[in-house]
C-alpha atoms as a PDB file:
ATOM      1  CA  MET A   1     -14.739  41.491  -5.381  1.00  0.00           C
ATOM      2  CA  GLY A   2     -13.937  40.049  -1.953  1.00  0.00           C
ATOM      3  CA  ILE A   3     -17.412  40.479  -0.431  1.00  0.00           C
ATOM      4  CA  VAL A   4     -18.990  37.041  -0.261  1.00  0.00           C
ATOM      5  CA  ASN A   5     -22.329  35.295  -0.206  1.00  0.00           C
ATOM      6  CA  GLN A   6     -23.337  31.652  -0.650  1.00  0.00           C
ATOM      7  CA  ASP A   7     -23.483  32.010  -4.413  1.00  0.00           C
ATOM      8  CA  ASN A   8     -20.081  33.591  -5.041  1.00  0.00           C
ATOM      9  CA  ILE A   9     -17.895  32.286  -2.177  1.00  0.00           C
ATOM     10  CA  THR A  10     -16.337  29.492  -4.278  1.00  0.00           C
ATOM     11  CA  ASP A  11     -15.441  31.852  -7.132  1.00  0.00           C
ATOM     12  CA  VAL A  12     -14.018  34.445  -4.709  1.00  0.00           C
ATOM     13  CA  VAL A  13     -11.711  31.895  -3.037  1.00  0.00           C
ATOM     14  CA  ILE A  14     -10.538  30.480  -6.376  1.00  0.00           C
ATOM     15  CA  ALA A  15      -9.879  34.012  -7.652  1.00  0.00           C
ATOM     16  CA  SER A  16      -7.506  34.552  -4.714  1.00  0.00           C
ATOM     17  CA  LEU A  17      -5.141  31.850  -5.950  1.00  0.00           C
ATOM     18  CA  GLY A  18      -1.809  33.372  -6.917  1.00  0.00           C
ATOM     19  CA  LYS A  19      -2.889  36.962  -6.219  1.00  0.00           C
ATOM     20  CA  HIS A  20      -0.149  37.649  -3.695  1.00  0.00           C
ATOM     21  CA  GLY A  21       2.428  34.979  -4.430  1.00  0.00           C
ATOM     22  CA  ASP A  22       3.644  32.840  -7.296  1.00  0.00           C
ATOM     23  CA  ILE A  23       2.061  29.388  -7.671  1.00  0.00           C
ATOM     24  CA  THR A  24       2.544  26.787 -10.380  1.00  0.00           C
ATOM     25  CA  GLY A  25      -0.133  25.738 -12.802  1.00  0.00           C
ATOM     26  CA  ARG A  26      -0.353  22.387 -11.028  1.00  0.00           C
ATOM     27  CA  GLN A  27      -0.825  24.088  -7.661  1.00  0.00           C
ATOM     28  CA  ARG A  28      -3.630  26.183  -9.135  1.00  0.00           C
ATOM     29  CA  GLU A  29      -5.258  23.121 -10.694  1.00  0.00           C
ATOM     30  CA  ILE A  30      -5.154  21.148  -7.438  1.00  0.00           C
ATOM     31  CA  MET A  31      -6.348  23.991  -5.215  1.00  0.00           C
ATOM     32  CA  ALA A  32      -9.153  25.078  -7.563  1.00  0.00           C
ATOM     33  CA  ALA A  33     -10.486  21.512  -7.709  1.00  0.00           C
ATOM     34  CA  LEU A  34     -10.143  21.059  -3.936  1.00  0.00           C
ATOM     35  CA  ILE A  35     -12.002  24.305  -3.202  1.00  0.00           C
ATOM     36  CA  THR A  36     -14.722  23.507  -5.742  1.00  0.00           C
ATOM     37  CA  HIS A  37     -15.364  19.997  -4.403  1.00  0.00           C
ATOM     38  CA  LEU A  38     -15.021  20.979  -0.744  1.00  0.00           C
ATOM     39  CA  HIS A  39     -17.516  23.814  -1.102  1.00  0.00           C
ATOM     40  CA  GLY A  40     -19.787  21.537  -3.098  1.00  0.00           C
ATOM     41  CA  PHE A  41     -19.645  18.932  -0.330  1.00  0.00           C
ATOM     42  CA  ILE A  42     -20.479  21.536   2.315  1.00  0.00           C
ATOM     43  CA  LYS A  43     -23.454  22.782   0.327  1.00  0.00           C
ATOM     44  CA  GLU A  44     -24.709  19.308  -0.607  1.00  0.00           C
ATOM     45  CA  THR A  45     -24.646  18.072   2.998  1.00  0.00           C
ATOM     46  CA  ARG A  46     -25.654  21.436   4.490  1.00  0.00           C
ATOM     47  CA  LEU A  47     -22.758  20.990   6.910  1.00  0.00           C
ATOM     48  CA  GLN A  48     -23.375  22.632  10.277  1.00  0.00           C
ATOM     49  CA  HIS A  49     -20.809  24.518  12.328  1.00  0.00           C
ATOM     50  CA  HIS A  50     -20.724  21.975  15.159  1.00  0.00           C
ATOM     51  CA  GLU A  51     -20.025  19.271  12.548  1.00  0.00           C
ATOM     52  CA  PHE A  52     -17.219  21.352  11.044  1.00  0.00           C
ATOM     53  CA  LEU A  53     -15.636  21.778  14.485  1.00  0.00           C
ATOM     54  CA  ALA A  54     -15.999  18.052  15.167  1.00  0.00           C
ATOM     55  CA  ALA A  55     -14.171  17.332  11.898  1.00  0.00           C
ATOM     56  CA  CYS A  56     -11.355  19.724  12.837  1.00  0.00           C
ATOM     57  CA  ASP A  57     -11.020  18.030  16.223  1.00  0.00           C
ATOM     58  CA  TYR A  58     -11.021  14.615  14.529  1.00  0.00           C
ATOM     59  CA  LEU A  59      -8.187  15.562  12.161  1.00  0.00           C
ATOM     60  CA  ALA A  60      -6.185  17.075  15.013  1.00  0.00           C
ATOM     61  CA  ARG A  61      -6.499  13.844  16.997  1.00  0.00           C
ATOM     62  CA  ALA A  62      -5.514  11.803  13.922  1.00  0.00           C
ATOM     63  CA  GLY A  63      -2.366  13.915  13.509  1.00  0.00           C
ATOM     64  CA  LYS A  64      -1.313  13.253  17.101  1.00  0.00           C
ATOM     65  CA  LEU A  65      -1.366   9.498  16.411  1.00  0.00           C
ATOM     66  CA  CYS A  66       1.194   9.681  13.583  1.00  0.00           C
ATOM     67  CA  ASN A  67       4.607   8.268  14.525  1.00  0.00           C
ATOM     68  CA  ASP A  68       7.280   5.931  13.183  1.00  0.00           C
ATOM     69  CA  ASN A  69       5.063   2.894  13.773  1.00  0.00           C
ATOM     70  CA  ARG A  70       1.662   4.194  12.693  1.00  0.00           C
ATOM     71  CA  GLN A  71       0.778   6.661   9.940  1.00  0.00           C
ATOM     72  CA  GLU A  72      -2.826   7.470  10.773  1.00  0.00           C
ATOM     73  CA  PHE A  73      -3.571   9.610   7.732  1.00  0.00           C
ATOM     74  CA  ILE A  74      -2.450   6.843   5.353  1.00  0.00           C
ATOM     75  CA  LEU A  75      -4.680   4.465   7.309  1.00  0.00           C
ATOM     76  CA  LEU A  76      -7.637   6.832   6.978  1.00  0.00           C
ATOM     77  CA  GLY A  77      -6.917   7.173   3.258  1.00  0.00           C
ATOM     78  CA  ASP A  78      -6.908   3.376   2.961  1.00  0.00           C
ATOM     79  CA  ILE A  79     -10.266   3.065   4.732  1.00  0.00           C
ATOM     80  CA  LEU A  80     -11.784   5.598   2.314  1.00  0.00           C
ATOM     81  CA  GLY A  81     -10.311   3.879  -0.755  1.00  0.00           C
ATOM     82  CA  ALA A  82      -8.319   7.029  -1.471  1.00  0.00           C
ATOM     83  CA  GLU A  83      -4.820   5.515  -1.475  1.00  0.00           C
ATOM     84  CA  VAL A  84      -5.727   2.684  -3.831  1.00  0.00           C
ATOM     85  CA  LEU A  85      -7.376   5.171  -6.229  1.00  0.00           C
ATOM     86  CA  VAL A  86      -4.315   7.475  -6.130  1.00  0.00           C
ATOM     87  CA  ASP A  87      -2.117   4.429  -6.763  1.00  0.00           C
ATOM     88  CA  MET A  88      -4.178   3.385  -9.787  1.00  0.00           C
ATOM     89  CA  MET A  89      -4.000   6.937 -11.158  1.00  0.00           C
ATOM     90  CA  THR A  90      -0.240   7.084 -10.561  1.00  0.00           C
ATOM     91  CA  ASN A  91       0.576   3.629 -11.930  1.00  0.00           C
ATOM     92  CA  PRO A  92      -1.808   2.804 -14.771  1.00  0.00           C
ATOM     93  CA  VAL A  93      -1.287  -0.610 -16.340  1.00  0.00           C
ATOM     94  CA  ALA A  94      -0.725  -0.075 -20.052  1.00  0.00           C
ATOM     95  CA  GLY A  95       0.932  -3.348 -21.005  1.00  0.00           C
ATOM     96  CA  GLY A  96       1.895  -6.618 -19.398  1.00  0.00           C
ATOM     97  CA  GLU A  97       3.446  -5.199 -16.246  1.00  0.00           C
ATOM     98  CA  SER A  98       2.326  -6.362 -12.814  1.00  0.00           C
ATOM     99  CA  GLU A  99      -0.368  -4.376 -11.065  1.00  0.00           C
ATOM    100  CA  SER A 100       0.489  -2.260  -8.060  1.00  0.00           C
ATOM    101  CA  THR A 101      -1.526  -1.687  -4.926  1.00  0.00           C
ATOM    102  CA  VAL A 102      -1.245   0.283  -1.697  1.00  0.00           C
ATOM    103  CA  LEU A 103       1.929   0.580   0.381  1.00  0.00           C
ATOM    104  CA  GLY A 104      -0.056   0.614   3.617  1.00  0.00           C
ATOM    105  CA  PRO A 105       0.881   2.267   6.905  1.00  0.00           C
ATOM    106  CA  PHE A 106       3.234  -0.383   8.380  1.00  0.00           C
ATOM    107  CA  TYR A 107       6.261  -0.316   6.074  1.00  0.00           C
ATOM    108  CA  ARG A 108       9.709   0.027   7.655  1.00  0.00           C
ATOM    109  CA  GLU A 109      12.733   1.212   5.723  1.00  0.00           C
ATOM    110  CA  ASN A 110      16.048  -0.652   5.543  1.00  0.00           C
ATOM    111  CA  PRO A 111      15.082  -4.201   6.568  1.00  0.00           C
ATOM    112  CA  PRO A 112      17.928  -6.734   6.685  1.00  0.00           C
ATOM    113  CA  VAL A 113      19.532  -7.764   3.388  1.00  0.00           C
ATOM    114  CA  MET A 114      19.205 -11.537   3.098  1.00  0.00           C
ATOM    115  CA  PRO A 115      20.710 -14.172   0.791  1.00  0.00           C
ATOM    116  CA  LYS A 116      18.499 -15.826  -1.788  1.00  0.00           C
ATOM    117  CA  GLY A 117      16.399 -18.494  -0.089  1.00  0.00           C
ATOM    118  CA  GLY A 118      16.979 -17.004   3.363  1.00  0.00           C
ATOM    119  CA  SER A 119      14.358 -16.951   6.086  1.00  0.00           C
ATOM    120  CA  ILE A 120      12.794 -13.805   7.539  1.00  0.00           C
ATOM    121  CA  ILE A 121      11.243 -15.769  10.416  1.00  0.00           C
ATOM    122  CA  LEU A 122      12.757 -14.566  13.715  1.00  0.00           C
ATOM    123  CA  LYS A 123      10.015 -15.836  16.016  1.00  0.00           C
ATOM    124  CA  HIS A 124       7.961 -19.006  15.761  1.00  0.00           C
ATOM    125  CA  TYR A 125       4.283 -19.522  16.596  1.00  0.00           C
ATOM    126  CA  ASP A 126       2.355 -22.725  17.288  1.00  0.00           C
ATOM    127  CA  ASN A 127      -0.129 -21.954  14.508  1.00  0.00           C
ATOM    128  CA  GLU A 128       2.381 -20.905  11.849  1.00  0.00           C
ATOM    129  CA  GLU A 129       2.632 -22.435   8.400  1.00  0.00           C
ATOM    130  CA  THR A 130       6.074 -21.924   6.906  1.00  0.00           C
ATOM    131  CA  VAL A 131       6.263 -21.112   3.205  1.00  0.00           C
ATOM    132  CA  TYR A 132       8.915 -21.272   0.506  1.00  0.00           C
ATOM    133  CA  TYR A 133       8.183 -18.270  -1.720  1.00  0.00           C
ATOM    134  CA  GLU A 134       9.766 -18.109  -5.164  1.00  0.00           C
ATOM    135  CA  GLY A 135       9.277 -16.764  -8.639  1.00  0.00           C
ATOM    136  CA  TYR A 136      10.785 -14.694 -11.418  1.00  0.00           C
ATOM    137  CA  VAL A 137      10.993 -10.979 -12.068  1.00  0.00           C
ATOM    138  CA  ARG A 138      10.795 -10.397 -15.811  1.00  0.00           C
ATOM    139  CA  ASP A 139      10.655  -7.462 -18.185  1.00  0.00           C
ATOM    140  CA  GLU A 140       7.761  -6.956 -20.593  1.00  0.00           C
ATOM    141  CA  ALA A 141       9.584  -9.024 -23.223  1.00  0.00           C
ATOM    142  CA  GLY A 142       9.618 -12.003 -20.839  1.00  0.00           C
ATOM    143  CA  ARG A 143      13.323 -11.865 -20.004  1.00  0.00           C
ATOM    144  CA  GLY A 144      14.435 -12.509 -16.438  1.00  0.00           C
ATOM    145  CA  VAL A 145      15.840  -9.387 -14.788  1.00  0.00           C
ATOM    146  CA  PRO A 146      18.894  -9.945 -12.569  1.00  0.00           C
ATOM    147  CA  GLY A 147      19.784  -7.745  -9.601  1.00  0.00           C
ATOM    148  CA  VAL A 148      16.242  -6.713  -8.722  1.00  0.00           C
ATOM    149  CA  THR A 149      15.654  -5.884  -5.049  1.00  0.00           C
ATOM    150  CA  LEU A 150      12.536  -7.300  -3.433  1.00  0.00           C
ATOM    151  CA  ASP A 151      11.653  -5.632  -0.128  1.00  0.00           C
ATOM    152  CA  VAL A 152       9.241  -7.979   1.650  1.00  0.00           C
ATOM    153  CA  TRP A 153       7.098  -7.667   4.784  1.00  0.00           C
ATOM    154  CA  GLU A 154       4.055  -9.389   6.298  1.00  0.00           C
ATOM    155  CA  ASP A 155       2.088  -9.848   9.509  1.00  0.00           C
ATOM    156  CA  ALA A 156       2.955 -12.574  12.003  1.00  0.00           C
ATOM    157  CA  PRO A 157       0.698 -15.587  12.670  1.00  0.00           C
ATOM    158  CA  ASN A 158      -0.834 -13.580  15.531  1.00  0.00           C
ATOM    159  CA  GLY A 159      -2.097 -11.075  12.945  1.00  0.00           C
ATOM    160  CA  VAL A 160       0.207  -8.233  14.050  1.00  0.00           C
ATOM    161  CA  TYR A 161       3.111  -6.554  12.262  1.00  0.00           C
ATOM    162  CA  GLU A 162       6.435  -6.507  14.059  1.00  0.00           C
ATOM    163  CA  ASN A 163       6.531  -2.737  14.514  1.00  0.00           C
ATOM    164  CA  LEU A 164       3.211  -2.845  16.381  1.00  0.00           C
ATOM    165  CA  ASP A 165       4.109  -5.815  18.595  1.00  0.00           C
ATOM    166  CA  PRO A 166       6.684  -5.388  21.403  1.00  0.00           C
ATOM    167  CA  ASP A 167       6.920  -9.183  21.760  1.00  0.00           C
ATOM    168  CA  GLN A 168       8.333  -9.658  18.263  1.00  0.00           C
ATOM    169  CA  PRO A 169      12.057  -9.238  17.463  1.00  0.00           C
ATOM    170  CA  GLU A 170      13.095  -6.193  15.443  1.00  0.00           C
ATOM    171  CA  TYR A 171      12.388  -6.683  11.732  1.00  0.00           C
ATOM    172  CA  ASN A 172      10.640 -10.014  12.217  1.00  0.00           C
ATOM    173  CA  LEU A 173       9.094 -11.090   8.889  1.00  0.00           C
ATOM    174  CA  ARG A 174      10.847  -8.308   6.987  1.00  0.00           C
ATOM    175  CA  GLY A 175      13.750  -8.600   4.604  1.00  0.00           C
ATOM    176  CA  ARG A 176      15.353  -7.607   1.300  1.00  0.00           C
ATOM    177  CA  PHE A 177      16.319 -10.099  -1.385  1.00  0.00           C
ATOM    178  CA  GLU A 178      17.868  -9.897  -4.836  1.00  0.00           C
ATOM    179  CA  THR A 179      17.114 -11.820  -7.996  1.00  0.00           C
ATOM    180  CA  ASP A 180      19.852 -14.039  -9.426  1.00  0.00           C
ATOM    181  CA  GLU A 181      21.258 -13.933 -12.944  1.00  0.00           C
ATOM    182  CA  ASN A 182      18.032 -15.492 -14.275  1.00  0.00           C
ATOM    183  CA  GLY A 183      15.718 -13.102 -12.461  1.00  0.00           C
ATOM    184  CA  HIS A 184      14.754 -15.749  -9.902  1.00  0.00           C
ATOM    185  CA  TYR A 185      14.020 -14.895  -6.258  1.00  0.00           C
ATOM    186  CA  ALA A 186      13.337 -17.099  -3.236  1.00  0.00           C
ATOM    187  CA  PHE A 187      12.840 -16.694   0.495  1.00  0.00           C
ATOM    188  CA  VAL A 188      11.237 -18.421   3.471  1.00  0.00           C
ATOM    189  CA  ALA A 189       8.482 -16.791   5.500  1.00  0.00           C
ATOM    190  CA  VAL A 190       5.064 -17.745   6.859  1.00  0.00           C
ATOM    191  CA  ARG A 191       1.586 -17.889   5.416  1.00  0.00           C
ATOM    192  CA  PRO A 192       0.026 -14.491   6.119  1.00  0.00           C
ATOM    193  CA  VAL A 193      -3.176 -14.500   8.146  1.00  0.00           C
ATOM    194  CA  PRO A 194      -6.191 -12.190   7.922  1.00  0.00           C
ATOM    195  CA  TYR A 195      -6.044  -9.407  10.470  1.00  0.00           C
ATOM    196  CA  PRO A 196      -7.939  -6.295  11.501  1.00  0.00           C
ATOM    197  CA  ILE A 197      -6.342  -2.953  10.756  1.00  0.00           C
ATOM    198  CA  PRO A 198      -6.146  -0.813  13.916  1.00  0.00           C
ATOM    199  CA  ASP A 199      -9.750  -0.019  14.733  1.00  0.00           C
ATOM    200  CA  ASP A 200      -9.082   2.027  17.826  1.00  0.00           C
ATOM    201  CA  GLU A 201      -8.703   5.783  17.882  1.00  0.00           C
ATOM    202  CA  THR A 202      -9.632   7.774  14.770  1.00  0.00           C
ATOM    203  CA  ALA A 203      -9.394   4.842  12.327  1.00  0.00           C
ATOM    204  CA  GLY A 204     -11.944   2.941  14.358  1.00  0.00           C
ATOM    205  CA  GLU A 205     -14.185   5.996  14.581  1.00  0.00           C
ATOM    206  CA  LEU A 206     -14.179   6.281  10.787  1.00  0.00           C
ATOM    207  CA  LEU A 207     -14.929   2.587  10.285  1.00  0.00           C
ATOM    208  CA  ARG A 208     -17.866   2.739  12.704  1.00  0.00           C
ATOM    209  CA  PHE A 209     -19.157   5.944  11.100  1.00  0.00           C
ATOM    210  CA  MET A 210     -19.104   4.138   7.741  1.00  0.00           C
ATOM    211  CA  GLY A 211     -20.628   0.954   9.144  1.00  0.00           C
ATOM    212  CA  HIS A 212     -17.648  -0.981   7.779  1.00  0.00           C
ATOM    213  CA  HIS A 213     -15.383  -3.688   9.241  1.00  0.00           C
ATOM    214  CA  PRO A 214     -11.584  -3.534   9.825  1.00  0.00           C
ATOM    215  CA  ASN A 215     -10.531  -6.899   8.356  1.00  0.00           C
ATOM    216  CA  ARG A 216      -7.957  -7.573   5.665  1.00  0.00           C
ATOM    217  CA  PRO A 217      -7.294 -10.850   3.838  1.00  0.00           C
ATOM    218  CA  GLY A 218      -3.943 -12.592   4.214  1.00  0.00           C
ATOM    219  CA  HIS A 219      -1.292 -10.924   2.054  1.00  0.00           C
ATOM    220  CA  VAL A 220       2.435 -10.285   1.679  1.00  0.00           C
ATOM    221  CA  HIS A 221       3.807  -6.847   0.775  1.00  0.00           C
ATOM    222  CA  PHE A 222       6.475  -6.309  -1.889  1.00  0.00           C
ATOM    223  CA  ILE A 223       8.495  -3.411  -3.218  1.00  0.00           C
ATOM    224  CA  VAL A 224      10.200  -4.627  -6.389  1.00  0.00           C
ATOM    225  CA  ALA A 225      12.802  -2.228  -7.744  1.00  0.00           C
ATOM    226  CA  LYS A 226      15.794  -1.860 -10.020  1.00  0.00           C
ATOM    227  CA  GLU A 227      17.274   1.177 -11.732  1.00  0.00           C
ATOM    228  CA  GLY A 228      15.886   1.529 -15.232  1.00  0.00           C
ATOM    229  CA  PHE A 229      12.470   0.130 -14.294  1.00  0.00           C
ATOM    230  CA  ARG A 230       9.396   1.676 -12.739  1.00  0.00           C
ATOM    231  CA  PRO A 231       9.355   0.620  -9.054  1.00  0.00           C
ATOM    232  CA  LEU A 232       6.494  -1.709  -8.191  1.00  0.00           C
ATOM    233  CA  ILE A 233       4.711  -1.473  -4.829  1.00  0.00           C
ATOM    234  CA  SER A 234       2.320  -4.365  -4.528  1.00  0.00           C
ATOM    235  CA  GLN A 235       0.826  -7.160  -2.454  1.00  0.00           C
ATOM    236  CA  ILE A 236       0.113 -10.822  -3.176  1.00  0.00           C
ATOM    237  CA  PHE A 237      -3.025 -12.331  -1.693  1.00  0.00           C
ATOM    238  CA  ASP A 238      -3.952 -15.787  -0.422  1.00  0.00           C
ATOM    239  CA  ALA A 239      -6.635 -17.237  -2.713  1.00  0.00           C
ATOM    240  CA  ASP A 240      -8.164 -19.140   0.212  1.00  0.00           C
ATOM    241  CA  SER A 241      -8.162 -16.285   2.708  1.00  0.00           C
ATOM    242  CA  ALA A 242     -11.181 -14.886   4.466  1.00  0.00           C
ATOM    243  CA  TRP A 243     -12.124 -11.309   3.487  1.00  0.00           C
ATOM    244  CA  LEU A 244     -10.596 -11.675   0.013  1.00  0.00           C
ATOM    245  CA  ASP A 245     -13.698 -10.195  -1.627  1.00  0.00           C
ATOM    246  CA  ASP A 246     -14.391  -7.684   1.167  1.00  0.00           C
ATOM    247  CA  ASP A 247     -11.056  -6.071   1.991  1.00  0.00           C
ATOM    248  CA  SER A 248     -11.375  -3.189   4.443  1.00  0.00           C
ATOM    249  CA  VAL A 249      -8.960  -1.055   2.385  1.00  0.00           C
ATOM    250  CA  PHE A 250     -10.163  -2.137  -1.091  1.00  0.00           C
ATOM    251  CA  ALA A 251      -6.683  -3.201  -2.246  1.00  0.00           C
ATOM    252  CA  VAL A 252      -7.314  -6.684  -3.727  1.00  0.00           C
ATOM    253  CA  LYS A 253      -6.877  -7.097  -7.499  1.00  0.00           C
ATOM    254  CA  GLU A 254      -7.523 -10.312  -9.402  1.00  0.00           C
ATOM    255  CA  SER A 255      -3.999 -10.488 -10.853  1.00  0.00           C
ATOM    256  CA  LEU A 256      -2.430 -10.361  -7.386  1.00  0.00           C
ATOM    257  CA  ILE A 257      -4.140 -13.490  -6.013  1.00  0.00           C
ATOM    258  CA  GLY A 258      -2.122 -16.696  -5.733  1.00  0.00           C
ATOM    259  CA  LYS A 259      -2.490 -20.215  -4.360  1.00  0.00           C
ATOM    260  CA  PHE A 260      -0.573 -21.829  -1.510  1.00  0.00           C
ATOM    261  CA  ARG A 261       0.260 -25.476  -2.214  1.00  0.00           C
ATOM    262  CA  PRO A 262       1.952 -28.267  -0.230  1.00  0.00           C
ATOM    263  CA  ALA A 263       5.731 -27.924  -0.290  1.00  0.00           C
ATOM    264  CA  ARG A 264       8.070 -30.497  -1.734  1.00  0.00           C
ATOM    265  CA  PRO A 265      10.699 -32.084   0.566  1.00  0.00           C
ATOM    266  CA  GLU A 266      13.500 -29.942  -0.863  1.00  0.00           C
ATOM    267  CA  HIS A 267      11.707 -26.762   0.200  1.00  0.00           C
ATOM    268  CA  GLY A 268      11.942 -27.610   3.907  1.00  0.00           C
ATOM    269  CA  THR A 269       8.662 -25.785   4.625  1.00  0.00           C
ATOM    270  CA  ASP A 270       4.978 -26.594   5.049  1.00  0.00           C
ATOM    271  CA  LEU A 271       3.817 -24.767   1.931  1.00  0.00           C
ATOM    272  CA  HIS A 272       5.052 -23.516  -1.425  1.00  0.00           C
ATOM    273  CA  PHE A 273       3.975 -20.310  -3.208  1.00  0.00           C
ATOM    274  CA  GLU A 274       5.040 -19.254  -6.705  1.00  0.00           C
ATOM    275  CA  PHE A 275       4.457 -15.759  -8.049  1.00  0.00           C
ATOM    276  CA  ASP A 276       6.103 -13.886 -10.908  1.00  0.00           C
ATOM    277  CA  PHE A 277       6.404 -10.131 -11.330  1.00  0.00           C
ATOM    278  CA  VAL A 278       6.730  -8.137 -14.560  1.00  0.00           C
ATOM    279  CA  LEU A 279       8.451  -4.754 -14.354  1.00  0.00           C
ATOM    280  CA  LYS A 280       7.879  -1.917 -16.784  1.00  0.00           C
ATOM    281  CA  GLU A 281      10.880  -0.007 -18.065  1.00  0.00           C
ATOM    282  CA  ALA A 282      11.147   3.542 -16.757  1.00  0.00           C
ATOM    283  CA  ALA A 283      10.059   6.205 -19.229  1.00  0.00           C
ATOM    284  CA  GLY A 284      13.601   7.550 -19.625  1.00  0.00           C
ATOM    285  CA  THR A 285      14.963   4.099 -20.360  1.00  0.00           C
ATOM    286  CA  GLN A 286      12.264   3.482 -22.978  1.00  0.00           C
ATOM    287  CA  ALA A 287      13.114   6.776 -24.721  1.00  0.00           C
ATOM    288  CA  ILE A 288      16.807   5.897 -24.931  1.00  0.00           C
ATOM    289  CA  ALA A 289      16.024   2.419 -26.251  1.00  0.00           C
ATOM    290  CA  ALA A 290      13.854   3.945 -28.997  1.00  0.00           C
ATOM    291  CA  GLU A 291      16.571   6.297 -30.255  1.00  0.00           C
END
């Protein structure tokens, strides 16, 4: 029956799934849940037509902001805590592996490949604190993993990422490094500073509607990857940073917090930061090892 009223509209729409075209079981599961919760939200809030049209306009304006430098829908998902929840559902921690967290909207592919211990600093600032970052990438048995790629990026001491700042050189504070035969990595960068996520345009509208702030604690982004292991997308956070316990995108986890300490003379930097990662073997690799 396609004739609808407030009581049967949800069931009628769900019954239409797959009627005139093949869909997978997963598609049906996702769409049925979306329709159920969306209709439930509309009924619970007694959403009015002018509010529905305002929401459509809002999403249209958000879409127009998406480009190579800014992914507005990821940013909106971050503000709502949606991306971090999806990440936790996608990458549950079942053993001793490192925890993941959100990719964020400012990642750039193919940063320069750098030698171990190289510097990703291409522009200096009066207020910068240089840092020698190092640590080990290990497997769950505690063995160092050689040949792991670490894709690293962070904001500049002015609180802005390179791809949002025309005054920074291309790929400033971005780089790719590889672990040595012992699983050790090292590079030189700066101490990340707290910064506000873009709070103009639709992201700012959402923050103000929520009565929330735009600030993030100081952090460095990592993608840690090697064939045979589950890729790790994560961040490490400054233990002494402002906003550590009130992150605007809800991405801070206790295991990802580390301490900056004074550097030794051989580091050639102001500060020293040590942080180890543990990678989980990919499911296919584990199955082969068990045979």
